[in-house]
Amino acid sequence: MEQIICLAMGYVFGLFQTGFIYGRSKGIDIRQHGSGNSGSTNALRVMGVKAGLIVFMGDFLKTVIPCFLVRILFRSQPGYIYVLILCAGFGVILGHNFPFYLKFKGGKGIAATAGIMFSLDWRLTAVCLLAFVLIVAVTRYVSLGSLVVSAIFLCWNIYFGHLGAYGLAPEAIPQFYAVSAVIAAMAFWRHRANIVRLVQGRENKVGAKKKSE
């Protein structure tokens, strides 16, 4: 029941579509431009650096807030707290990616995933931030950086969960692994078109003119 509550709470927070709202304030529907999603990368491409940063921070914070609330509401369950944080974060990703009031057309959930990382472990956040910056700086592929970071997120949680770093109850460990895997899988699934373009050498680079889909 706690997992369902956290998932539902996260979904409600995820419905705050920062990119869509910011775009509307500028007189455009972000989903009608660029890649067609409402995330920070498309906001950056369509409306510039300032818009990209604002949208990223909005999507990041809408994940951090419910994860923080989970820590308070379920502090009496320390053996499950990190599972519940992941559930809340995954709920945000679902709300962000599939907002019912926008015909389930949202973003790809990477900024929300960053919010989950921050809520779990600052060391994970630092490693993923460094990896993302290096990959994008060298390749100029934001999608590649996002995919690598998602893979690191999953590997980190499995490794440190196995070591007992998060104080998980024995019965909570499989759930921790499973939700982590679903979050990473969602990132790859939402980037499936990007993966095809990366393989074909047609993926859009930061600062380059958008190629045809």
N, C-alpha and C. Protein backbone atom coordinates (compact mmCIF):
# COMPACT_ATOMS: atom_id res chain seq x y z
N MET A 1 0.83 -1.21 0.00
CA MET A 1 0.00 0.00 0.00
C MET A 1 0.87 1.26 0.00
N GLU A 2 1.95 1.25 0.78
CA GLU A 2 2.84 2.42 0.82
C GLU A 2 3.43 2.72 -0.55
N GLN A 3 3.80 1.65 -1.28
CA GLN A 3 4.36 1.85 -2.61
C GLN A 3 3.36 2.51 -3.55
N ILE A 4 2.10 2.09 -3.46
CA ILE A 4 1.05 2.66 -4.31
C ILE A 4 0.82 4.12 -3.96
N ILE A 5 0.82 4.44 -2.67
CA ILE A 5 0.63 5.83 -2.23
C ILE A 5 1.76 6.71 -2.77
N CYS A 6 2.98 6.23 -2.66
CA CYS A 6 4.14 7.00 -3.13
C CYS A 6 4.11 7.17 -4.64
N LEU A 7 3.72 6.11 -5.34
CA LEU A 7 3.62 6.17 -6.80
C LEU A 7 2.57 7.20 -7.22
N ALA A 8 1.42 7.18 -6.56
CA ALA A 8 0.34 8.12 -6.89
C ALA A 8 0.73 9.55 -6.56
N MET A 9 1.38 9.75 -5.41
CA MET A 9 1.83 11.08 -5.04
C MET A 9 2.82 11.62 -6.06
N GLY A 10 3.74 10.75 -6.48
CA GLY A 10 4.72 11.16 -7.48
C GLY A 10 4.07 11.53 -8.79
N TYR A 11 3.08 10.74 -9.20
CA TYR A 11 2.40 11.02 -10.47
C TYR A 11 1.76 12.41 -10.47
N VAL A 12 1.14 12.76 -9.35
CA VAL A 12 0.51 14.09 -9.24
C VAL A 12 1.55 15.19 -9.39
N PHE A 13 2.69 15.05 -8.74
CA PHE A 13 3.75 16.05 -8.89
C PHE A 13 4.28 16.06 -10.32
N GLY A 14 4.36 14.89 -10.94
CA GLY A 14 4.87 14.81 -12.30
C GLY A 14 4.00 15.52 -13.31
N LEU A 15 2.73 15.73 -12.98
CA LEU A 15 1.81 16.39 -13.90
C LEU A 15 2.14 17.87 -14.10
N PHE A 16 2.99 18.42 -13.23
CA PHE A 16 3.41 19.81 -13.41
C PHE A 16 4.41 19.84 -14.57
N GLN A 17 3.92 20.17 -15.73
CA GLN A 17 4.72 20.15 -16.95
C GLN A 17 5.46 21.47 -17.13
N THR A 18 6.66 21.55 -16.59
CA THR A 18 7.42 22.80 -16.61
C THR A 18 7.63 23.30 -18.02
N GLY A 19 8.05 22.40 -18.92
CA GLY A 19 8.32 22.82 -20.30
C GLY A 19 7.08 23.34 -21.00
N PHE A 20 5.96 22.65 -20.83
CA PHE A 20 4.72 23.08 -21.46
C PHE A 20 4.27 24.42 -20.90
N ILE A 21 4.33 24.56 -19.57
CA ILE A 21 3.89 25.80 -18.92
C ILE A 21 4.78 26.97 -19.32
N TYR A 22 6.10 26.74 -19.30
CA TYR A 22 7.03 27.82 -19.68
C TYR A 22 6.84 28.19 -21.14
N GLY A 23 6.66 27.19 -21.99
CA GLY A 23 6.44 27.47 -23.40
C GLY A 23 5.18 28.29 -23.63
N ARG A 24 4.11 27.93 -22.93
CA ARG A 24 2.86 28.69 -23.05
C ARG A 24 3.04 30.14 -22.61
N SER A 25 3.88 30.34 -21.60
CA SER A 25 4.12 31.72 -21.14
C SER A 25 4.83 32.54 -22.21
N LYS A 26 5.49 31.85 -23.14
CA LYS A 26 6.17 32.51 -24.26
C LYS A 26 5.36 32.45 -25.54
N GLY A 27 4.15 31.92 -25.42
CA GLY A 27 3.26 31.90 -26.57
C GLY A 27 3.43 30.73 -27.52
N ILE A 28 4.09 29.65 -27.08
CA ILE A 28 4.25 28.49 -27.96
C ILE A 28 3.91 27.21 -27.21
N ASP A 29 3.56 26.20 -27.98
CA ASP A 29 3.37 24.86 -27.43
C ASP A 29 4.64 24.09 -27.76
N ILE A 30 5.47 23.83 -26.74
CA ILE A 30 6.77 23.22 -26.94
C ILE A 30 6.65 21.88 -27.65
N ARG A 31 5.49 21.23 -27.53
CA ARG A 31 5.30 19.92 -28.15
C ARG A 31 5.12 19.99 -29.66
N GLN A 32 4.96 21.20 -30.16
CA GLN A 32 4.82 21.40 -31.60
C GLN A 32 6.13 21.81 -32.26
N HIS A 33 7.20 21.77 -31.50
CA HIS A 33 8.50 22.22 -32.02
C HIS A 33 9.60 21.22 -31.66
N GLY A 34 10.69 21.28 -32.40
CA GLY A 34 11.84 20.43 -32.10
C GLY A 34 11.49 18.96 -32.14
N SER A 35 11.85 18.24 -31.08
CA SER A 35 11.59 16.80 -31.00
C SER A 35 10.15 16.48 -30.66
N GLY A 36 9.40 17.49 -30.21
CA GLY A 36 7.99 17.28 -29.89
C GLY A 36 7.71 16.89 -28.45
N ASN A 37 8.75 16.79 -27.61
CA ASN A 37 8.48 16.48 -26.20
C ASN A 37 8.65 17.74 -25.35
N SER A 38 8.19 17.66 -24.12
CA SER A 38 8.15 18.86 -23.27
C SER A 38 9.27 18.91 -22.24
N GLY A 39 10.35 18.18 -22.49
CA GLY A 39 11.45 18.17 -21.54
C GLY A 39 12.46 19.28 -21.73
N SER A 40 13.49 19.27 -20.88
CA SER A 40 14.46 20.36 -20.86
C SER A 40 15.35 20.40 -22.10
N THR A 41 15.67 19.24 -22.68
CA THR A 41 16.52 19.24 -23.88
C THR A 41 15.81 19.91 -25.04
N ASN A 42 14.53 19.60 -25.22
CA ASN A 42 13.79 20.25 -26.30
C ASN A 42 13.57 21.72 -26.01
N ALA A 43 13.38 22.07 -24.74
CA ALA A 43 13.25 23.48 -24.37
C ALA A 43 14.54 24.23 -24.69
N LEU A 44 15.67 23.59 -24.42
CA LEU A 44 16.96 24.18 -24.75
C LEU A 44 17.09 24.40 -26.25
N ARG A 45 16.71 23.39 -27.02
CA ARG A 45 16.82 23.47 -28.47
C ARG A 45 15.90 24.54 -29.06
N VAL A 46 14.69 24.61 -28.54
CA VAL A 46 13.68 25.49 -29.14
C VAL A 46 13.73 26.91 -28.59
N MET A 47 13.95 27.05 -27.26
CA MET A 47 13.82 28.37 -26.63
C MET A 47 15.12 28.91 -26.04
N GLY A 48 16.21 28.14 -26.08
CA GLY A 48 17.48 28.67 -25.62
C GLY A 48 17.92 28.15 -24.26
N VAL A 49 19.12 28.57 -23.86
CA VAL A 49 19.76 28.07 -22.65
C VAL A 49 18.95 28.41 -21.39
N LYS A 50 18.49 29.63 -21.28
CA LYS A 50 17.71 30.04 -20.10
C LYS A 50 16.49 29.16 -19.94
N ALA A 51 15.76 28.92 -21.01
CA ALA A 51 14.57 28.09 -20.95
C ALA A 51 14.93 26.66 -20.57
N GLY A 52 16.02 26.14 -21.15
CA GLY A 52 16.45 24.79 -20.83
C GLY A 52 16.76 24.62 -19.36
N LEU A 53 17.45 25.60 -18.78
CA LEU A 53 17.80 25.53 -17.36
C LEU A 53 16.56 25.63 -16.47
N ILE A 54 15.66 26.54 -16.82
CA ILE A 54 14.44 26.70 -16.03
C ILE A 54 13.61 25.43 -16.04
N VAL A 55 13.45 24.85 -17.23
CA VAL A 55 12.65 23.63 -17.35
C VAL A 55 13.32 22.48 -16.61
N PHE A 56 14.65 22.38 -16.74
CA PHE A 56 15.35 21.31 -16.03
C PHE A 56 15.16 21.45 -14.52
N MET A 57 15.33 22.64 -13.99
CA MET A 57 15.21 22.83 -12.55
C MET A 57 13.78 22.57 -12.08
N GLY A 58 12.81 22.97 -12.88
CA GLY A 58 11.43 22.70 -12.51
C GLY A 58 11.14 21.21 -12.44
N ASP A 59 11.60 20.48 -13.44
CA ASP A 59 11.38 19.04 -13.48
C ASP A 59 12.20 18.31 -12.41
N PHE A 60 13.38 18.84 -12.12
CA PHE A 60 14.24 18.29 -11.07
C PHE A 60 13.58 18.46 -9.71
N LEU A 61 13.12 19.66 -9.43
CA LEU A 61 12.54 19.95 -8.11
C LEU A 61 11.20 19.26 -7.90
N LYS A 62 10.43 19.06 -8.96
CA LYS A 62 9.14 18.39 -8.78
C LYS A 62 9.34 16.92 -8.42
N THR A 63 10.56 16.43 -8.57
CA THR A 63 10.90 15.08 -8.12
C THR A 63 11.49 15.10 -6.71
N VAL A 64 12.36 16.05 -6.45
CA VAL A 64 13.00 16.14 -5.14
C VAL A 64 11.97 16.37 -4.03
N ILE A 65 10.97 17.20 -4.30
CA ILE A 65 9.98 17.54 -3.27
C ILE A 65 9.20 16.31 -2.79
N PRO A 66 8.58 15.53 -3.68
CA PRO A 66 7.85 14.35 -3.17
C PRO A 66 8.78 13.31 -2.54
N CYS A 67 10.01 13.20 -3.05
CA CYS A 67 10.96 12.27 -2.43
C CYS A 67 11.30 12.70 -1.01
N PHE A 68 11.41 14.01 -0.81
CA PHE A 68 11.66 14.54 0.53
C PHE A 68 10.45 14.29 1.43
N LEU A 69 9.27 14.45 0.88
CA LEU A 69 8.06 14.19 1.67
C LEU A 69 7.98 12.73 2.09
N VAL A 70 8.42 11.84 1.22
CA VAL A 70 8.44 10.42 1.55
C VAL A 70 9.34 10.16 2.75
N ARG A 71 10.49 10.81 2.80
CA ARG A 71 11.40 10.66 3.94
C ARG A 71 10.72 11.05 5.25
N ILE A 72 9.89 12.09 5.19
CA ILE A 72 9.21 12.55 6.39
C ILE A 72 8.03 11.64 6.76
N LEU A 73 7.21 11.33 5.76
CA LEU A 73 6.00 10.57 6.02
C LEU A 73 6.27 9.13 6.44
N PHE A 74 7.35 8.56 5.92
CA PHE A 74 7.63 7.14 6.18
C PHE A 74 8.95 6.95 6.93
N ARG A 75 9.30 7.93 7.73
CA ARG A 75 10.56 7.84 8.47
C ARG A 75 10.57 6.69 9.48
N SER A 76 9.40 6.17 9.82
CA SER A 76 9.32 5.06 10.76
C SER A 76 9.61 3.72 10.09
N GLN A 77 9.88 3.74 8.77
CA GLN A 77 10.18 2.51 8.03
C GLN A 77 11.54 2.63 7.34
N PRO A 78 12.62 2.75 8.10
CA PRO A 78 13.94 2.97 7.50
C PRO A 78 14.39 1.86 6.55
N GLY A 79 13.93 0.65 6.77
CA GLY A 79 14.34 -0.46 5.90
C GLY A 79 13.70 -0.41 4.53
N TYR A 80 12.66 0.41 4.38
CA TYR A 80 11.94 0.51 3.11
C TYR A 80 12.00 1.90 2.50
N ILE A 81 12.59 2.85 3.20
CA ILE A 81 12.50 4.24 2.79
C ILE A 81 13.04 4.49 1.39
N TYR A 82 14.13 3.81 1.03
CA TYR A 82 14.72 4.05 -0.29
C TYR A 82 13.88 3.41 -1.40
N VAL A 83 13.20 2.33 -1.10
CA VAL A 83 12.26 1.76 -2.07
C VAL A 83 11.12 2.73 -2.31
N LEU A 84 10.61 3.32 -1.23
CA LEU A 84 9.49 4.25 -1.35
C LEU A 84 9.91 5.53 -2.08
N ILE A 85 11.14 5.97 -1.88
CA ILE A 85 11.66 7.12 -2.61
C ILE A 85 11.68 6.82 -4.11
N LEU A 86 12.16 5.61 -4.45
CA LEU A 86 12.18 5.22 -5.85
C LEU A 86 10.77 5.16 -6.43
N CYS A 87 9.82 4.66 -5.66
CA CYS A 87 8.43 4.59 -6.13
C CYS A 87 7.86 5.99 -6.39
N ALA A 88 8.13 6.90 -5.47
CA ALA A 88 7.66 8.28 -5.66
C ALA A 88 8.32 8.89 -6.88
N GLY A 89 9.62 8.66 -7.04
CA GLY A 89 10.33 9.20 -8.19
C GLY A 89 9.83 8.62 -9.49
N PHE A 90 9.55 7.32 -9.50
CA PHE A 90 9.03 6.70 -10.71
C PHE A 90 7.64 7.25 -11.03
N GLY A 91 6.85 7.53 -9.99
CA GLY A 91 5.55 8.16 -10.21
C GLY A 91 5.69 9.51 -10.88
N VAL A 92 6.69 10.28 -10.47
CA VAL A 92 6.94 11.58 -11.11
C VAL A 92 7.28 11.38 -12.58
N ILE A 93 8.12 10.40 -12.88
CA ILE A 93 8.49 10.12 -14.27
C ILE A 93 7.26 9.77 -15.09
N LEU A 94 6.37 8.95 -14.53
CA LEU A 94 5.14 8.59 -15.25
C LEU A 94 4.27 9.81 -15.50
N GLY A 95 4.12 10.66 -14.48
CA GLY A 95 3.33 11.87 -14.65
C GLY A 95 3.95 12.82 -15.66
N HIS A 96 5.28 12.90 -15.64
CA HIS A 96 6.00 13.77 -16.57
C HIS A 96 5.93 13.25 -18.00
N ASN A 97 6.14 11.94 -18.15
CA ASN A 97 6.15 11.36 -19.49
C ASN A 97 4.76 11.20 -20.10
N PHE A 98 3.78 10.92 -19.23
CA PHE A 98 2.43 10.61 -19.71
C PHE A 98 1.36 11.41 -18.96
N PRO A 99 1.36 12.74 -19.10
CA PRO A 99 0.34 13.56 -18.43
C PRO A 99 -1.03 13.37 -19.10
N PHE A 100 -2.01 12.94 -18.33
CA PHE A 100 -3.31 12.61 -18.91
C PHE A 100 -3.98 13.80 -19.57
N TYR A 101 -3.75 15.00 -19.03
CA TYR A 101 -4.43 16.18 -19.55
C TYR A 101 -3.77 16.73 -20.81
N LEU A 102 -2.64 16.18 -21.20
CA LEU A 102 -1.97 16.56 -22.44
C LEU A 102 -1.93 15.38 -23.41
N LYS A 103 -2.96 14.54 -23.30
CA LYS A 103 -3.08 13.36 -24.15
C LYS A 103 -1.87 12.44 -24.01
N PHE A 104 -1.33 12.39 -22.79
CA PHE A 104 -0.22 11.49 -22.44
C PHE A 104 1.06 11.79 -23.25
N LYS A 105 1.20 13.02 -23.67
CA LYS A 105 2.38 13.43 -24.44
C LYS A 105 3.22 14.38 -23.61
N GLY A 106 4.27 13.86 -22.99
CA GLY A 106 5.11 14.68 -22.13
C GLY A 106 6.57 14.63 -22.54
N GLY A 107 7.46 14.44 -21.54
CA GLY A 107 8.89 14.43 -21.81
C GLY A 107 9.47 13.03 -21.74
N LYS A 108 10.77 12.94 -21.44
CA LYS A 108 11.46 11.65 -21.39
C LYS A 108 11.93 11.29 -19.99
N GLY A 109 11.78 12.20 -19.04
CA GLY A 109 12.00 11.86 -17.64
C GLY A 109 13.43 11.90 -17.13
N ILE A 110 14.35 12.48 -17.89
CA ILE A 110 15.75 12.47 -17.45
C ILE A 110 15.99 13.45 -16.30
N ALA A 111 15.41 14.64 -16.36
CA ALA A 111 15.55 15.59 -15.25
C ALA A 111 14.91 15.01 -13.99
N ALA A 112 13.78 14.33 -14.15
CA ALA A 112 13.14 13.68 -13.01
C ALA A 112 14.03 12.57 -12.45
N THR A 113 14.69 11.83 -13.33
CA THR A 113 15.62 10.80 -12.88
C THR A 113 16.77 11.41 -12.11
N ALA A 114 17.23 12.58 -12.56
CA ALA A 114 18.29 13.29 -11.83
C ALA A 114 17.81 13.66 -10.43
N GLY A 115 16.53 14.02 -10.32
CA GLY A 115 15.96 14.32 -9.00
C GLY A 115 15.93 13.11 -8.10
N ILE A 116 15.69 11.93 -8.68
CA ILE A 116 15.71 10.70 -7.89
C ILE A 116 17.12 10.43 -7.38
N MET A 117 18.11 10.59 -8.27
CA MET A 117 19.51 10.37 -7.88
C MET A 117 19.90 11.27 -6.72
N PHE A 118 19.54 12.54 -6.83
CA PHE A 118 19.85 13.51 -5.79
C PHE A 118 19.20 13.12 -4.47
N SER A 119 17.99 12.61 -4.55
CA SER A 119 17.25 12.22 -3.35
C SER A 119 17.80 10.95 -2.71
N LEU A 120 18.45 10.12 -3.51
CA LEU A 120 19.01 8.87 -3.01
C LEU A 120 20.39 9.06 -2.39
N ASP A 121 21.31 9.67 -3.15
CA ASP A 121 22.72 9.65 -2.75
C ASP A 121 23.47 10.76 -3.49
N TRP A 122 24.07 11.68 -2.75
CA TRP A 122 24.80 12.78 -3.40
C TRP A 122 26.01 12.27 -4.17
N ARG A 123 26.57 11.14 -3.76
CA ARG A 123 27.72 10.58 -4.48
C ARG A 123 27.30 10.08 -5.86
N LEU A 124 26.14 9.44 -5.92
CA LEU A 124 25.59 8.99 -7.21
C LEU A 124 25.34 10.20 -8.10
N THR A 125 24.80 11.25 -7.52
CA THR A 125 24.54 12.48 -8.27
C THR A 125 25.83 13.05 -8.86
N ALA A 126 26.88 13.10 -8.06
CA ALA A 126 28.16 13.66 -8.51
C ALA A 126 28.76 12.83 -9.64
N VAL A 127 28.73 11.50 -9.49
CA VAL A 127 29.29 10.62 -10.52
C VAL A 127 28.52 10.77 -11.83
N CYS A 128 27.20 10.77 -11.75
CA CYS A 128 26.38 10.87 -12.96
C CYS A 128 26.50 12.24 -13.62
N LEU A 129 26.61 13.29 -12.81
CA LEU A 129 26.78 14.63 -13.37
C LEU A 129 28.09 14.73 -14.13
N LEU A 130 29.15 14.20 -13.53
CA LEU A 130 30.46 14.22 -14.18
C LEU A 130 30.43 13.43 -15.48
N ALA A 131 29.84 12.24 -15.44
CA ALA A 131 29.75 11.40 -16.63
C ALA A 131 28.95 12.09 -17.73
N PHE A 132 27.82 12.71 -17.35
CA PHE A 132 26.97 13.39 -18.32
C PHE A 132 27.71 14.55 -18.98
N VAL A 133 28.35 15.38 -18.17
CA VAL A 133 29.06 16.55 -18.70
C VAL A 133 30.18 16.12 -19.64
N LEU A 134 30.94 15.11 -19.25
CA LEU A 134 32.06 14.64 -20.08
C LEU A 134 31.56 14.08 -21.41
N ILE A 135 30.52 13.26 -21.36
CA ILE A 135 30.01 12.65 -22.58
C ILE A 135 29.44 13.69 -23.53
N VAL A 136 28.67 14.63 -23.00
CA VAL A 136 28.08 15.66 -23.86
C VAL A 136 29.16 16.60 -24.39
N ALA A 137 30.16 16.90 -23.55
CA ALA A 137 31.24 17.78 -24.00
C ALA A 137 32.04 17.16 -25.14
N VAL A 138 32.26 15.85 -25.06
CA VAL A 138 33.07 15.15 -26.08
C VAL A 138 32.26 14.83 -27.33
N THR A 139 31.03 14.31 -27.14
CA THR A 139 30.24 13.84 -28.28
C THR A 139 29.18 14.83 -28.75
N ARG A 140 28.75 15.71 -27.84
CA ARG A 140 27.66 16.67 -28.08
C ARG A 140 26.32 15.97 -28.25
N TYR A 141 26.24 14.73 -27.78
CA TYR A 141 24.98 13.99 -27.80
C TYR A 141 24.37 13.98 -26.41
N VAL A 142 23.32 14.76 -26.19
CA VAL A 142 22.64 14.77 -24.90
C VAL A 142 21.98 13.42 -24.64
N SER A 143 21.43 12.83 -25.68
CA SER A 143 20.76 11.53 -25.52
C SER A 143 21.73 10.46 -25.05
N LEU A 144 22.94 10.45 -25.59
CA LEU A 144 23.93 9.46 -25.17
C LEU A 144 24.29 9.66 -23.70
N GLY A 145 24.49 10.92 -23.30
CA GLY A 145 24.77 11.20 -21.90
C GLY A 145 23.65 10.74 -21.00
N SER A 146 22.41 10.94 -21.42
CA SER A 146 21.25 10.53 -20.63
C SER A 146 21.18 9.01 -20.49
N LEU A 147 21.47 8.31 -21.56
CA LEU A 147 21.43 6.85 -21.53
C LEU A 147 22.52 6.27 -20.64
N VAL A 148 23.73 6.82 -20.75
CA VAL A 148 24.83 6.33 -19.92
C VAL A 148 24.53 6.58 -18.44
N VAL A 149 24.01 7.75 -18.13
CA VAL A 149 23.68 8.08 -16.75
C VAL A 149 22.60 7.14 -16.20
N SER A 150 21.63 6.80 -17.03
CA SER A 150 20.58 5.87 -16.60
C SER A 150 21.16 4.49 -16.30
N ALA A 151 22.13 4.06 -17.11
CA ALA A 151 22.79 2.77 -16.87
C ALA A 151 23.62 2.82 -15.59
N ILE A 152 24.32 3.93 -15.36
CA ILE A 152 25.10 4.08 -14.13
C ILE A 152 24.18 4.03 -12.91
N PHE A 153 23.05 4.69 -13.01
CA PHE A 153 22.06 4.70 -11.93
C PHE A 153 21.67 3.28 -11.53
N LEU A 154 21.37 2.44 -12.52
CA LEU A 154 20.97 1.07 -12.24
C LEU A 154 22.12 0.27 -11.64
N CYS A 155 23.29 0.36 -12.26
CA CYS A 155 24.45 -0.40 -11.77
C CYS A 155 24.84 0.02 -10.35
N TRP A 156 24.80 1.33 -10.09
CA TRP A 156 25.13 1.85 -8.76
C TRP A 156 24.18 1.29 -7.71
N ASN A 157 22.89 1.34 -8.00
CA ASN A 157 21.90 0.88 -7.02
C ASN A 157 22.03 -0.62 -6.75
N ILE A 158 22.32 -1.39 -7.79
CA ILE A 158 22.49 -2.83 -7.58
C ILE A 158 23.74 -3.10 -6.74
N TYR A 159 24.83 -2.44 -7.08
CA TYR A 159 26.11 -2.67 -6.39
C TYR A 159 26.05 -2.25 -4.93
N PHE A 160 25.62 -1.00 -4.69
CA PHE A 160 25.61 -0.50 -3.31
C PHE A 160 24.45 -1.07 -2.50
N GLY A 161 23.37 -1.43 -3.19
CA GLY A 161 22.29 -2.11 -2.49
C GLY A 161 22.76 -3.47 -1.98
N HIS A 162 23.54 -4.15 -2.81
CA HIS A 162 24.10 -5.45 -2.41
C HIS A 162 25.06 -5.31 -1.23
N LEU A 163 25.79 -4.20 -1.19
CA LEU A 163 26.74 -3.96 -0.10
C LEU A 163 26.06 -3.53 1.20
N GLY A 164 24.78 -3.23 1.11
CA GLY A 164 24.04 -2.80 2.29
C GLY A 164 24.19 -1.33 2.62
N ALA A 165 24.58 -0.54 1.61
CA ALA A 165 24.86 0.88 1.84
C ALA A 165 23.62 1.68 2.25
N TYR A 166 22.43 1.21 1.89
CA TYR A 166 21.22 1.98 2.16
C TYR A 166 20.39 1.42 3.31
N GLY A 167 20.92 0.46 4.01
CA GLY A 167 20.22 -0.09 5.17
C GLY A 167 18.87 -0.70 4.83
N LEU A 168 18.77 -1.30 3.64
CA LEU A 168 17.52 -1.90 3.21
C LEU A 168 17.21 -3.17 3.99
N ALA A 169 15.94 -3.36 4.30
CA ALA A 169 15.52 -4.62 4.89
C ALA A 169 15.71 -5.72 3.84
N PRO A 170 16.05 -6.94 4.24
CA PRO A 170 16.30 -8.02 3.27
C PRO A 170 15.19 -8.19 2.25
N GLU A 171 13.94 -8.09 2.69
CA GLU A 171 12.83 -8.26 1.77
C GLU A 171 12.61 -7.05 0.87
N ALA A 172 13.25 -5.92 1.19
CA ALA A 172 13.11 -4.70 0.38
C ALA A 172 14.13 -4.65 -0.75
N ILE A 173 15.19 -5.42 -0.64
CA ILE A 173 16.27 -5.37 -1.63
C ILE A 173 15.79 -5.73 -3.04
N PRO A 174 15.04 -6.83 -3.23
CA PRO A 174 14.55 -7.14 -4.59
C PRO A 174 13.67 -6.02 -5.16
N GLN A 175 12.87 -5.39 -4.31
CA GLN A 175 12.04 -4.28 -4.77
C GLN A 175 12.89 -3.09 -5.19
N PHE A 176 13.94 -2.82 -4.43
CA PHE A 176 14.86 -1.73 -4.74
C PHE A 176 15.49 -1.96 -6.11
N TYR A 177 15.94 -3.17 -6.35
CA TYR A 177 16.53 -3.51 -7.65
C TYR A 177 15.49 -3.39 -8.77
N ALA A 178 14.30 -3.90 -8.51
CA ALA A 178 13.27 -3.94 -9.55
C ALA A 178 12.83 -2.54 -9.97
N VAL A 179 12.58 -1.66 -9.00
CA VAL A 179 12.14 -0.30 -9.35
C VAL A 179 13.28 0.46 -10.03
N SER A 180 14.51 0.24 -9.59
CA SER A 180 15.66 0.87 -10.24
C SER A 180 15.74 0.44 -11.70
N ALA A 181 15.52 -0.86 -11.94
CA ALA A 181 15.58 -1.39 -13.30
C ALA A 181 14.46 -0.82 -14.17
N VAL A 182 13.28 -0.67 -13.60
CA VAL A 182 12.15 -0.11 -14.36
C VAL A 182 12.42 1.35 -14.72
N ILE A 183 12.99 2.11 -13.80
CA ILE A 183 13.31 3.51 -14.07
C ILE A 183 14.33 3.62 -15.19
N ALA A 184 15.38 2.79 -15.13
CA ALA A 184 16.40 2.81 -16.18
C ALA A 184 15.81 2.35 -17.51
N ALA A 185 14.97 1.31 -17.47
CA ALA A 185 14.35 0.80 -18.69
C ALA A 185 13.44 1.85 -19.33
N MET A 186 12.75 2.61 -18.50
CA MET A 186 11.89 3.66 -19.02
C MET A 186 12.70 4.70 -19.80
N ALA A 187 13.87 5.06 -19.26
CA ALA A 187 14.73 6.03 -19.95
C ALA A 187 15.15 5.50 -21.31
N PHE A 188 15.53 4.23 -21.38
CA PHE A 188 15.95 3.65 -22.65
C PHE A 188 14.78 3.55 -23.62
N TRP A 189 13.61 3.17 -23.10
CA TRP A 189 12.44 3.05 -23.97
C TRP A 189 12.02 4.41 -24.54
N ARG A 190 12.07 5.45 -23.72
CA ARG A 190 11.70 6.79 -24.19
C ARG A 190 12.74 7.35 -25.18
N HIS A 191 13.95 6.79 -25.13
CA HIS A 191 15.00 7.24 -26.04
C HIS A 191 15.21 6.26 -27.20
N ARG A 192 14.25 5.39 -27.44
CA ARG A 192 14.45 4.36 -28.47
C ARG A 192 14.70 4.96 -29.85
N ALA A 193 14.02 6.05 -30.18
CA ALA A 193 14.26 6.69 -31.48
C ALA A 193 15.66 7.31 -31.51
N ASN A 194 16.09 7.88 -30.38
CA ASN A 194 17.44 8.44 -30.30
C ASN A 194 18.50 7.36 -30.48
N ILE A 195 18.23 6.18 -29.90
CA ILE A 195 19.18 5.08 -30.01
C ILE A 195 19.36 4.67 -31.48
N VAL A 196 18.25 4.61 -32.19
CA VAL A 196 18.31 4.27 -33.62
C VAL A 196 19.14 5.31 -34.37
N ARG A 197 18.90 6.60 -34.09
CA ARG A 197 19.65 7.65 -34.78
C ARG A 197 21.12 7.65 -34.39
N LEU A 198 21.42 7.32 -33.12
CA LEU A 198 22.82 7.22 -32.70
C LEU A 198 23.53 6.13 -33.49
N VAL A 199 22.88 5.00 -33.64
CA VAL A 199 23.47 3.88 -34.38
C VAL A 199 23.67 4.26 -35.84
N GLN A 200 22.73 5.01 -36.40
CA GLN A 200 22.80 5.39 -37.80
C GLN A 200 23.63 6.65 -38.05
N GLY A 201 24.09 7.30 -36.97
CA GLY A 201 24.87 8.52 -37.11
C GLY A 201 24.06 9.73 -37.48
N ARG A 202 22.75 9.71 -37.18
CA ARG A 202 21.87 10.82 -37.53
C ARG A 202 21.36 11.60 -36.33
N GLU A 203 21.88 11.28 -35.13
CA GLU A 203 21.36 11.92 -33.92
C GLU A 203 21.75 13.40 -33.90
N ASN A 204 20.85 14.21 -33.33
CA ASN A 204 21.08 15.65 -33.24
C ASN A 204 22.13 15.96 -32.17
N LYS A 205 23.03 16.86 -32.51
CA LYS A 205 24.07 17.28 -31.57
C LYS A 205 23.72 18.65 -30.98
N VAL A 206 24.18 18.89 -29.77
CA VAL A 206 23.97 20.19 -29.13
C VAL A 206 24.62 21.28 -29.97
N GLY A 207 23.86 22.30 -30.29
CA GLY A 207 24.41 23.42 -31.05
C GLY A 207 24.34 23.25 -32.54
N ALA A 208 23.94 22.03 -33.01
CA ALA A 208 23.87 21.79 -34.45
C ALA A 208 22.44 21.95 -34.93
N LYS A 209 22.28 22.22 -36.21
CA LYS A 209 20.95 22.33 -36.80
C LYS A 209 20.26 20.99 -36.73
N LYS A 210 18.99 20.97 -36.32
CA LYS A 210 18.26 19.73 -36.16
C LYS A 210 18.14 18.99 -37.46
N LYS A 211 18.49 17.68 -37.42
CA LYS A 211 18.37 16.86 -38.60
C LYS A 211 16.94 16.35 -38.73
N SER A 212 16.61 15.88 -39.89
CA SER A 212 15.27 15.32 -40.10
C SER A 212 15.15 14.02 -39.32
N GLU A 213 13.93 13.73 -38.87
CA GLU A 213 13.70 12.53 -38.10
C GLU A 213 13.67 11.32 -39.01
